[in-house]
Amino acid sequence: MDFDIKKFDEYRENNRLEVKKAKGGLPDSLWSTYSSMANCYGGVILLGVAEENNGSFVTTGLKNVEKLQKDFWNTINNGKKVSINLLNDEDVQTYKVGNDIVLAIYIPMAQRENKPVYINDNLFHGTFRRNGEGDYHCTKSEIKAMLRDQTEETSDMKVLED
């Protein structure tokens, strides 16, 4: 997703953009959104932002951004919380919007050999997909399809006779 903080006022939540207030620290829902975006098309999560009733965004004012970033990196690198960290340092950026700081987390789409991306050390209850603005649990068949596609040569790569 091409995200430009200068267009902050034009954005709305969709299948590749999610906002979270994060007033009291990292929200628990951050991790299901990470899983769903990684398992689908990738996207951006903005912390320190709320969605108004009309769909527009407003900043909420993050407290102690350095601690928030440290907590984020500690958690995403904890295999008991997140199955795989797909991010590098450049994928987590801070921006000044008005008088507030916004933390943007850029999530790439996971390569098939890294899917499914799941949380809480629970493959069948911690794997999510993104539909519209929401994160939804994957079904067992969706998870099995991702596991099947991890192999070097997937079923749809094979050349069939006749």
C-alpha atoms as a PDB file:
ATOM      1  CA  MET A   1       0.000   0.000   0.000  1.00  0.00           C
ATOM      2  CA  ASP A   2       1.314   3.417  -0.890  1.00  0.00           C
ATOM      3  CA  PHE A   3       0.754   5.385   2.296  1.00  0.00           C
ATOM      4  CA  ASP A   4       1.466   9.112   2.479  1.00  0.00           C
ATOM      5  CA  ILE A   5       1.055  10.785   5.878  1.00  0.00           C
ATOM      6  CA  LYS A   6       0.442  14.103   4.079  1.00  0.00           C
ATOM      7  CA  LYS A   7      -2.906  12.653   2.954  1.00  0.00           C
ATOM      8  CA  PHE A   8      -3.933  11.784   6.535  1.00  0.00           C
ATOM      9  CA  ASP A   9      -7.208  13.715   6.286  1.00  0.00           C
ATOM     10  CA  GLU A  10      -8.218  11.873   3.097  1.00  0.00           C
ATOM     11  CA  TYR A  11      -7.782   8.309   4.385  1.00  0.00           C
ATOM     12  CA  ARG A  12     -10.495   5.965   5.632  1.00  0.00           C
ATOM     13  CA  GLU A  13     -10.226   2.471   7.083  1.00  0.00           C
ATOM     14  CA  ASN A  14     -10.277  -0.330   4.529  1.00  0.00           C
ATOM     15  CA  ASN A  15      -8.814  -3.792   4.002  1.00  0.00           C
ATOM     16  CA  ARG A  16      -5.265  -2.334   3.954  1.00  0.00           C
ATOM     17  CA  LEU A  17      -5.519   0.455   6.543  1.00  0.00           C
ATOM     18  CA  GLU A  18      -6.487   0.171  10.217  1.00  0.00           C
ATOM     19  CA  VAL A  19      -6.356   2.760  13.003  1.00  0.00           C
ATOM     20  CA  LYS A  20      -6.055   2.113  16.733  1.00  0.00           C
ATOM     21  CA  LYS A  21      -6.110   4.608  19.616  1.00  0.00           C
ATOM     22  CA  ALA A  22      -3.324   2.960  21.657  1.00  0.00           C
ATOM     23  CA  LYS A  23      -3.911   5.382  24.539  1.00  0.00           C
ATOM     24  CA  GLY A  24      -3.048   2.797  27.207  1.00  0.00           C
ATOM     25  CA  GLY A  25      -0.239   1.059  25.311  1.00  0.00           C
ATOM     26  CA  LEU A  26      -0.342  -1.529  22.557  1.00  0.00           C
ATOM     27  CA  PRO A  27      -3.933  -2.678  21.979  1.00  0.00           C
ATOM     28  CA  ASP A  28      -4.564  -6.425  22.072  1.00  0.00           C
ATOM     29  CA  SER A  29      -6.332  -6.178  18.697  1.00  0.00           C
ATOM     30  CA  LEU A  30      -3.065  -5.022  17.082  1.00  0.00           C
ATOM     31  CA  TRP A  31      -1.898  -8.631  16.801  1.00  0.00           C
ATOM     32  CA  SER A  32      -4.990 -10.054  15.084  1.00  0.00           C
ATOM     33  CA  THR A  33      -4.751  -7.166  12.592  1.00  0.00           C
ATOM     34  CA  TYR A  34      -1.049  -7.945  12.035  1.00  0.00           C
ATOM     35  CA  SER A  35      -1.955 -11.599  11.365  1.00  0.00           C
ATOM     36  CA  SER A  36      -4.836 -10.750   9.035  1.00  0.00           C
ATOM     37  CA  MET A  37      -2.898  -8.211   6.979  1.00  0.00           C
ATOM     38  CA  ALA A  38       0.135 -10.494   6.694  1.00  0.00           C
ATOM     39  CA  ASN A  39      -2.067 -13.397   5.578  1.00  0.00           C
ATOM     40  CA  CYS A  40      -3.853 -11.258   2.966  1.00  0.00           C
ATOM     41  CA  TYR A  41      -2.488  -8.225   1.105  1.00  0.00           C
ATOM     42  CA  GLY A  42      -0.374  -6.413   3.697  1.00  0.00           C
ATOM     43  CA  GLY A  43      -1.297  -2.966   4.963  1.00  0.00           C
ATOM     44  CA  VAL A  44      -0.685  -0.190   7.445  1.00  0.00           C
ATOM     45  CA  ILE A  45      -1.734   0.085  11.088  1.00  0.00           C
ATOM     46  CA  LEU A  46      -1.763   3.596  12.543  1.00  0.00           C
ATOM     47  CA  LEU A  47      -1.429   3.829  16.324  1.00  0.00           C
ATOM     48  CA  GLY A  48      -2.544   7.019  18.027  1.00  0.00           C
ATOM     49  CA  VAL A  49      -5.510   7.498  15.701  1.00  0.00           C
ATOM     50  CA  ALA A  50      -9.259   7.059  16.199  1.00  0.00           C
ATOM     51  CA  GLU A  51     -12.005   6.753  13.617  1.00  0.00           C
ATOM     52  CA  GLU A  52     -14.822   9.309  13.878  1.00  0.00           C
ATOM     53  CA  ASN A  53     -18.481   8.425  13.192  1.00  0.00           C
ATOM     54  CA  ASN A  54     -18.182   9.848   9.670  1.00  0.00           C
ATOM     55  CA  GLY A  55     -15.162   7.633   8.944  1.00  0.00           C
ATOM     56  CA  SER A  56     -12.565  10.393   9.170  1.00  0.00           C
ATOM     57  CA  PHE A  57      -9.491  10.073  11.387  1.00  0.00           C
ATOM     58  CA  VAL A  58      -8.461  12.100  14.413  1.00  0.00           C
ATOM     59  CA  THR A  59      -5.215  11.772  16.365  1.00  0.00           C
ATOM     60  CA  THR A  60      -5.478  10.701  20.000  1.00  0.00           C
ATOM     61  CA  GLY A  61      -2.047  11.646  21.320  1.00  0.00           C
ATOM     62  CA  LEU A  62       0.368   8.806  22.004  1.00  0.00           C
ATOM     63  CA  LYS A  63       2.131   8.778  25.347  1.00  0.00           C
ATOM     64  CA  ASN A  64       5.768   7.638  25.542  1.00  0.00           C
ATOM     65  CA  VAL A  65       6.277   6.602  21.907  1.00  0.00           C
ATOM     66  CA  GLU A  66       9.735   5.147  22.650  1.00  0.00           C
ATOM     67  CA  LYS A  67       8.249   2.706  25.190  1.00  0.00           C
ATOM     68  CA  LEU A  68       5.466   1.839  22.757  1.00  0.00           C
ATOM     69  CA  GLN A  69       8.027   1.018  20.048  1.00  0.00           C
ATOM     70  CA  LYS A  70      10.130  -1.039  22.465  1.00  0.00           C
ATOM     71  CA  ASP A  71       7.049  -2.981  23.602  1.00  0.00           C
ATOM     72  CA  PHE A  72       6.072  -3.530  19.970  1.00  0.00           C
ATOM     73  CA  TRP A  73       9.475  -4.973  18.996  1.00  0.00           C
ATOM     74  CA  ASN A  74       9.652  -7.120  22.148  1.00  0.00           C
ATOM     75  CA  THR A  75       6.213  -8.567  21.443  1.00  0.00           C
ATOM     76  CA  ILE A  76       6.558  -9.137  17.699  1.00  0.00           C
ATOM     77  CA  ASN A  77       9.818 -11.002  18.314  1.00  0.00           C
ATOM     78  CA  ASN A  78       8.208 -13.229  20.953  1.00  0.00           C
ATOM     79  CA  GLY A  79       7.360 -16.523  19.228  1.00  0.00           C
ATOM     80  CA  LYS A  80       4.726 -17.266  21.873  1.00  0.00           C
ATOM     81  CA  LYS A  81       2.804 -14.146  20.789  1.00  0.00           C
ATOM     82  CA  VAL A  82       3.482 -13.918  17.023  1.00  0.00           C
ATOM     83  CA  SER A  83       4.506 -16.856  14.831  1.00  0.00           C
ATOM     84  CA  ILE A  84       6.865 -14.767  12.657  1.00  0.00           C
ATOM     85  CA  ASN A  85       8.178 -11.221  12.553  1.00  0.00           C
ATOM     86  CA  LEU A  86       7.985 -10.037   8.934  1.00  0.00           C
ATOM     87  CA  LEU A  87       9.133  -6.492   9.732  1.00  0.00           C
ATOM     88  CA  ASN A  88      12.404  -4.606   9.785  1.00  0.00           C
ATOM     89  CA  ASP A  89      13.243  -1.270  11.423  1.00  0.00           C
ATOM     90  CA  GLU A  90      12.045   0.791   8.444  1.00  0.00           C
ATOM     91  CA  ASP A  91       8.561  -0.735   8.715  1.00  0.00           C
ATOM     92  CA  VAL A  92       7.815   1.156  11.947  1.00  0.00           C
ATOM     93  CA  GLN A  93       7.791   4.941  11.553  1.00  0.00           C
ATOM     94  CA  THR A  94       6.693   7.912  13.634  1.00  0.00           C
ATOM     95  CA  TYR A  95       5.012  10.938  12.074  1.00  0.00           C
ATOM     96  CA  LYS A  96       3.902  14.282  13.419  1.00  0.00           C
ATOM     97  CA  VAL A  97       0.258  15.007  12.603  1.00  0.00           C
ATOM     98  CA  GLY A  98      -0.888  18.337  13.971  1.00  0.00           C
ATOM     99  CA  ASN A  99       0.370  18.422  17.559  1.00  0.00           C
ATOM    100  CA  ASP A 100       0.407  14.640  17.974  1.00  0.00           C
ATOM    101  CA  ILE A 101       2.682  11.745  17.075  1.00  0.00           C
ATOM    102  CA  VAL A 102       1.322   8.819  15.053  1.00  0.00           C
ATOM    103  CA  LEU A 103       3.093   5.463  14.894  1.00  0.00           C
ATOM    104  CA  ALA A 104       2.730   3.758  11.498  1.00  0.00           C
ATOM    105  CA  ILE A 105       3.388   0.023  11.167  1.00  0.00           C
ATOM    106  CA  TYR A 106       3.822  -1.177   7.579  1.00  0.00           C
ATOM    107  CA  ILE A 107       2.940  -4.858   7.259  1.00  0.00           C
ATOM    108  CA  PRO A 108       3.998  -6.742   4.149  1.00  0.00           C
ATOM    109  CA  MET A 109       2.021  -9.622   2.719  1.00  0.00           C
ATOM    110  CA  ALA A 110       3.674 -12.806   3.972  1.00  0.00           C
ATOM    111  CA  GLN A 111       5.301 -15.037   1.374  1.00  0.00           C
ATOM    112  CA  ARG A 112       3.481 -18.344   0.989  1.00  0.00           C
ATOM    113  CA  GLU A 113       6.258 -20.230   2.789  1.00  0.00           C
ATOM    114  CA  ASN A 114       5.676 -18.008   5.880  1.00  0.00           C
ATOM    115  CA  LYS A 115       1.888 -18.422   5.963  1.00  0.00           C
ATOM    116  CA  PRO A 116      -0.117 -18.789   8.022  1.00  0.00           C
ATOM    117  CA  VAL A 117       0.947 -15.936  10.295  1.00  0.00           C
ATOM    118  CA  TYR A 118      -0.778 -16.568  13.623  1.00  0.00           C
ATOM    119  CA  ILE A 119      -0.803 -15.274  17.187  1.00  0.00           C
ATOM    120  CA  ASN A 120      -0.839 -16.598  20.763  1.00  0.00           C
ATOM    121  CA  ASP A 121       1.018 -19.778  19.780  1.00  0.00           C
ATOM    122  CA  ASN A 122      -2.275 -21.156  18.449  1.00  0.00           C
ATOM    123  CA  LEU A 123      -2.389 -22.063  14.764  1.00  0.00           C
ATOM    124  CA  PHE A 124      -6.094 -22.910  14.556  1.00  0.00           C
ATOM    125  CA  HIS A 125      -7.469 -20.129  16.781  1.00  0.00           C
ATOM    126  CA  GLY A 126      -4.871 -17.425  16.157  1.00  0.00           C
ATOM    127  CA  THR A 127      -4.849 -17.215  12.355  1.00  0.00           C
ATOM    128  CA  PHE A 128      -6.768 -14.287  10.872  1.00  0.00           C
ATOM    129  CA  ARG A 129      -7.725 -12.912   7.456  1.00  0.00           C
ATOM    130  CA  ARG A 130      -8.819  -9.420   6.434  1.00  0.00           C
ATOM    131  CA  ASN A 131     -12.215  -8.668   4.907  1.00  0.00           C
ATOM    132  CA  GLY A 132     -13.196  -5.036   4.502  1.00  0.00           C
ATOM    133  CA  GLU A 133     -12.280  -3.229   7.718  1.00  0.00           C
ATOM    134  CA  GLY A 134     -12.386  -6.352   9.865  1.00  0.00           C
ATOM    135  CA  ASP A 135     -10.148  -9.164  11.077  1.00  0.00           C
ATOM    136  CA  TYR A 136     -11.758 -12.611  11.021  1.00  0.00           C
ATOM    137  CA  HIS A 137     -10.644 -16.029  12.205  1.00  0.00           C
ATOM    138  CA  CYS A 138      -9.563 -18.302   9.375  1.00  0.00           C
ATOM    139  CA  THR A 139     -11.379 -21.577   8.993  1.00  0.00           C
ATOM    140  CA  LYS A 140      -9.503 -24.859   9.358  1.00  0.00           C
ATOM    141  CA  SER A 141      -9.706 -25.375   5.592  1.00  0.00           C
ATOM    142  CA  GLU A 142      -8.199 -21.920   4.939  1.00  0.00           C
ATOM    143  CA  ILE A 143      -5.349 -22.684   7.341  1.00  0.00           C
ATOM    144  CA  LYS A 144      -4.767 -26.113   5.806  1.00  0.00           C
ATOM    145  CA  ALA A 145      -4.626 -24.506   2.349  1.00  0.00           C
ATOM    146  CA  MET A 146      -1.936 -22.083   3.565  1.00  0.00           C
ATOM    147  CA  LEU A 147       0.038 -24.954   5.085  1.00  0.00           C
ATOM    148  CA  ARG A 148      -0.276 -26.964   1.875  1.00  0.00           C
ATOM    149  CA  ASP A 149       0.978 -23.999  -0.175  1.00  0.00           C
ATOM    150  CA  GLN A 150       4.150 -23.692   1.963  1.00  0.00           C
ATOM    151  CA  THR A 151       5.852 -26.443  -0.019  1.00  0.00           C
ATOM    152  CA  GLU A 152       8.485 -25.691  -2.648  1.00  0.00           C
ATOM    153  CA  GLU A 153       6.141 -26.690  -5.463  1.00  0.00           C
ATOM    154  CA  THR A 154       2.468 -25.934  -4.908  1.00  0.00           C
ATOM    155  CA  SER A 155      -0.327 -27.870  -6.597  1.00  0.00           C
ATOM    156  CA  ASP A 156      -0.989 -25.072  -9.061  1.00  0.00           C
ATOM    157  CA  MET A 157       2.656 -25.073 -10.219  1.00  0.00           C
ATOM    158  CA  LYS A 158       2.509 -28.629 -11.526  1.00  0.00           C
ATOM    159  CA  VAL A 159       2.201 -29.243 -15.255  1.00  0.00           C
ATOM    160  CA  LEU A 160      -0.496 -31.772 -16.008  1.00  0.00           C
ATOM    161  CA  GLU A 161      -0.393 -34.210 -18.898  1.00  0.00           C
ATOM    162  CA  ASP A 162      -3.142 -33.724 -21.498  1.00  0.00           C
END
